[in-house]
Amino acid sequence: MPAAYLIANVRVTNPEQYAEYRKWSSAAFEAHNAEILVRGGAVEVIEGDWTPERVVIVRFPDMAAAHAFYNSPEYGKARTAREGAAIMRLVFVEGI
């Protein structure tokens, strides 16, 4: 069954403010029935020159659900809370 994944690499620049983002993003993930697969944790680069910092991977039922989450008022609150607290690189990827 197809799914969609949010994959993010995050550089946290203000941990206290980022905690507020986590609160709102967690509520948004829950409201949109997203499954958090990876949120932080140790990263070990085994090949290539990518140097991720904080990796987040979230599964959605499909791309429409992923976009609905990202464009939702709930996640809008999280994005506002994150301003100045982190540099976010985020992609959606279709998968299984």
C-alpha atoms as a PDB file:
ATOM      1  CA  MET A   1       0.000   0.000   0.000  1.00  0.00           C
ATOM      2  CA  PRO A   2       1.503   3.374  -0.950  1.00  0.00           C
ATOM      3  CA  ALA A   3       2.466   5.796   1.784  1.00  0.00           C
ATOM      4  CA  ALA A   4       4.126   9.166   2.028  1.00  0.00           C
ATOM      5  CA  TYR A   5       6.993  10.091   4.294  1.00  0.00           C
ATOM      6  CA  LEU A   6       8.068  13.413   5.685  1.00  0.00           C
ATOM      7  CA  ILE A   7      11.851  13.403   6.032  1.00  0.00           C
ATOM      8  CA  ALA A   8      13.480  16.327   7.786  1.00  0.00           C
ATOM      9  CA  ASN A   9      16.975  17.314   8.762  1.00  0.00           C
ATOM     10  CA  VAL A  10      16.881  19.935  11.497  1.00  0.00           C
ATOM     11  CA  ARG A  11      19.565  22.215  12.870  1.00  0.00           C
ATOM     12  CA  VAL A  12      18.263  23.467  16.210  1.00  0.00           C
ATOM     13  CA  THR A  13      19.557  26.970  16.926  1.00  0.00           C
ATOM     14  CA  ASN A  14      17.440  27.788  19.991  1.00  0.00           C
ATOM     15  CA  PRO A  15      16.599  24.664  22.040  1.00  0.00           C
ATOM     16  CA  GLU A  16      14.208  26.416  24.426  1.00  0.00           C
ATOM     17  CA  GLN A  17      12.137  27.887  21.608  1.00  0.00           C
ATOM     18  CA  TYR A  18      12.353  24.618  19.649  1.00  0.00           C
ATOM     19  CA  ALA A  19      10.650  22.869  22.580  1.00  0.00           C
ATOM     20  CA  GLU A  20       7.585  25.013  21.838  1.00  0.00           C
ATOM     21  CA  TYR A  21       7.709  23.897  18.192  1.00  0.00           C
ATOM     22  CA  ARG A  22       7.864  20.253  19.290  1.00  0.00           C
ATOM     23  CA  LYS A  23       4.774  20.730  21.429  1.00  0.00           C
ATOM     24  CA  TRP A  24       2.749  22.164  18.520  1.00  0.00           C
ATOM     25  CA  SER A  25       4.151  19.780  15.896  1.00  0.00           C
ATOM     26  CA  SER A  26       3.357  16.785  18.111  1.00  0.00           C
ATOM     27  CA  ALA A  27      -0.247  17.975  18.392  1.00  0.00           C
ATOM     28  CA  ALA A  28      -0.412  18.455  14.605  1.00  0.00           C
ATOM     29  CA  PHE A  29       1.018  14.975  13.922  1.00  0.00           C
ATOM     30  CA  GLU A  30      -1.546  13.483  16.284  1.00  0.00           C
ATOM     31  CA  ALA A  31      -4.437  15.460  14.741  1.00  0.00           C
ATOM     32  CA  HIS A  32      -3.485  14.139  11.300  1.00  0.00           C
ATOM     33  CA  ASN A  33      -2.927  10.504  12.345  1.00  0.00           C
ATOM     34  CA  ALA A  34       0.739  10.633  11.372  1.00  0.00           C
ATOM     35  CA  GLU A  35       3.079   7.918  12.584  1.00  0.00           C
ATOM     36  CA  ILE A  36       6.400   9.242  13.885  1.00  0.00           C
ATOM     37  CA  LEU A  37       9.078   6.703  12.965  1.00  0.00           C
ATOM     38  CA  VAL A  38      12.233   8.671  13.848  1.00  0.00           C
ATOM     39  CA  ARG A  39      12.520  11.833  15.902  1.00  0.00           C
ATOM     40  CA  GLY A  40      16.060  12.675  16.846  1.00  0.00           C
ATOM     41  CA  GLY A  41      18.379   9.994  18.096  1.00  0.00           C
ATOM     42  CA  ALA A  42      21.908   9.069  17.194  1.00  0.00           C
ATOM     43  CA  VAL A  43      22.960   9.492  13.556  1.00  0.00           C
ATOM     44  CA  GLU A  44      25.833   7.538  12.039  1.00  0.00           C
ATOM     45  CA  VAL A  45      26.941   8.413   8.522  1.00  0.00           C
ATOM     46  CA  ILE A  46      28.273   5.262   6.879  1.00  0.00           C
ATOM     47  CA  GLU A  47      28.695   6.488   3.316  1.00  0.00           C
ATOM     48  CA  GLY A  48      28.816   9.813   1.509  1.00  0.00           C
ATOM     49  CA  ASP A  49      29.247  13.364   2.710  1.00  0.00           C
ATOM     50  CA  TRP A  50      25.793  14.026   4.178  1.00  0.00           C
ATOM     51  CA  THR A  51      26.047  15.293   7.760  1.00  0.00           C
ATOM     52  CA  PRO A  52      22.521  15.254   9.154  1.00  0.00           C
ATOM     53  CA  GLU A  53      21.953  16.715  12.579  1.00  0.00           C
ATOM     54  CA  ARG A  54      18.473  15.932  13.906  1.00  0.00           C
ATOM     55  CA  VAL A  55      16.577  13.553  11.618  1.00  0.00           C
ATOM     56  CA  VAL A  56      12.793  13.192  11.666  1.00  0.00           C
ATOM     57  CA  ILE A  57      10.829  10.642   9.619  1.00  0.00           C
ATOM     58  CA  VAL A  58       7.033  10.539   9.719  1.00  0.00           C
ATOM     59  CA  ARG A  59       4.662   8.268   7.781  1.00  0.00           C
ATOM     60  CA  PHE A  60       1.347   9.422   6.300  1.00  0.00           C
ATOM     61  CA  PRO A  61      -1.198   7.286   4.419  1.00  0.00           C
ATOM     62  CA  ASP A  62      -0.500   9.158   1.163  1.00  0.00           C
ATOM     63  CA  MET A  63       0.811  12.419  -0.303  1.00  0.00           C
ATOM     64  CA  ALA A  64      -2.574  14.119   0.037  1.00  0.00           C
ATOM     65  CA  ALA A  65      -2.534  13.436   3.794  1.00  0.00           C
ATOM     66  CA  ALA A  66       1.050  14.701   4.075  1.00  0.00           C
ATOM     67  CA  HIS A  67       0.148  17.940   2.294  1.00  0.00           C
ATOM     68  CA  ALA A  68      -3.032  18.313   4.375  1.00  0.00           C
ATOM     69  CA  PHE A  69      -0.876  18.065   7.513  1.00  0.00           C
ATOM     70  CA  TYR A  70       1.706  20.580   6.274  1.00  0.00           C
ATOM     71  CA  ASN A  71      -0.936  23.111   5.229  1.00  0.00           C
ATOM     72  CA  SER A  72      -3.106  22.665   8.327  1.00  0.00           C
ATOM     73  CA  PRO A  73      -3.742  25.370  10.925  1.00  0.00           C
ATOM     74  CA  GLU A  74      -2.318  22.994  13.542  1.00  0.00           C
ATOM     75  CA  TYR A  75       1.047  22.730  11.822  1.00  0.00           C
ATOM     76  CA  GLY A  76       0.921  26.431  10.982  1.00  0.00           C
ATOM     77  CA  LYS A  77       1.145  27.106  14.735  1.00  0.00           C
ATOM     78  CA  ALA A  78       4.187  24.850  14.910  1.00  0.00           C
ATOM     79  CA  ARG A  79       5.910  26.581  11.987  1.00  0.00           C
ATOM     80  CA  THR A  80       5.313  29.965  13.602  1.00  0.00           C
ATOM     81  CA  ALA A  81       6.765  28.698  16.889  1.00  0.00           C
ATOM     82  CA  ARG A  82       9.829  27.369  15.031  1.00  0.00           C
ATOM     83  CA  GLU A  83      10.771  30.708  13.420  1.00  0.00           C
ATOM     84  CA  GLY A  84      14.271  31.582  14.637  1.00  0.00           C
ATOM     85  CA  ALA A  85      14.595  28.316  16.567  1.00  0.00           C
ATOM     86  CA  ALA A  86      15.770  25.950  13.831  1.00  0.00           C
ATOM     87  CA  ILE A  87      16.803  25.552  10.229  1.00  0.00           C
ATOM     88  CA  MET A  88      14.552  22.933   8.687  1.00  0.00           C
ATOM     89  CA  ARG A  89      15.157  20.965   5.507  1.00  0.00           C
ATOM     90  CA  LEU A  90      12.033  18.969   4.756  1.00  0.00           C
ATOM     91  CA  VAL A  91      10.865  16.742   1.915  1.00  0.00           C
ATOM     92  CA  PHE A  92       7.909  14.481   1.193  1.00  0.00           C
ATOM     93  CA  VAL A  93       8.721  11.132  -0.418  1.00  0.00           C
ATOM     94  CA  GLU A  94       6.316   8.524  -1.756  1.00  0.00           C
ATOM     95  CA  GLY A  95       7.069   5.013  -0.621  1.00  0.00           C
ATOM     96  CA  ILE A  96       5.597   1.738   0.557  1.00  0.00           C
END
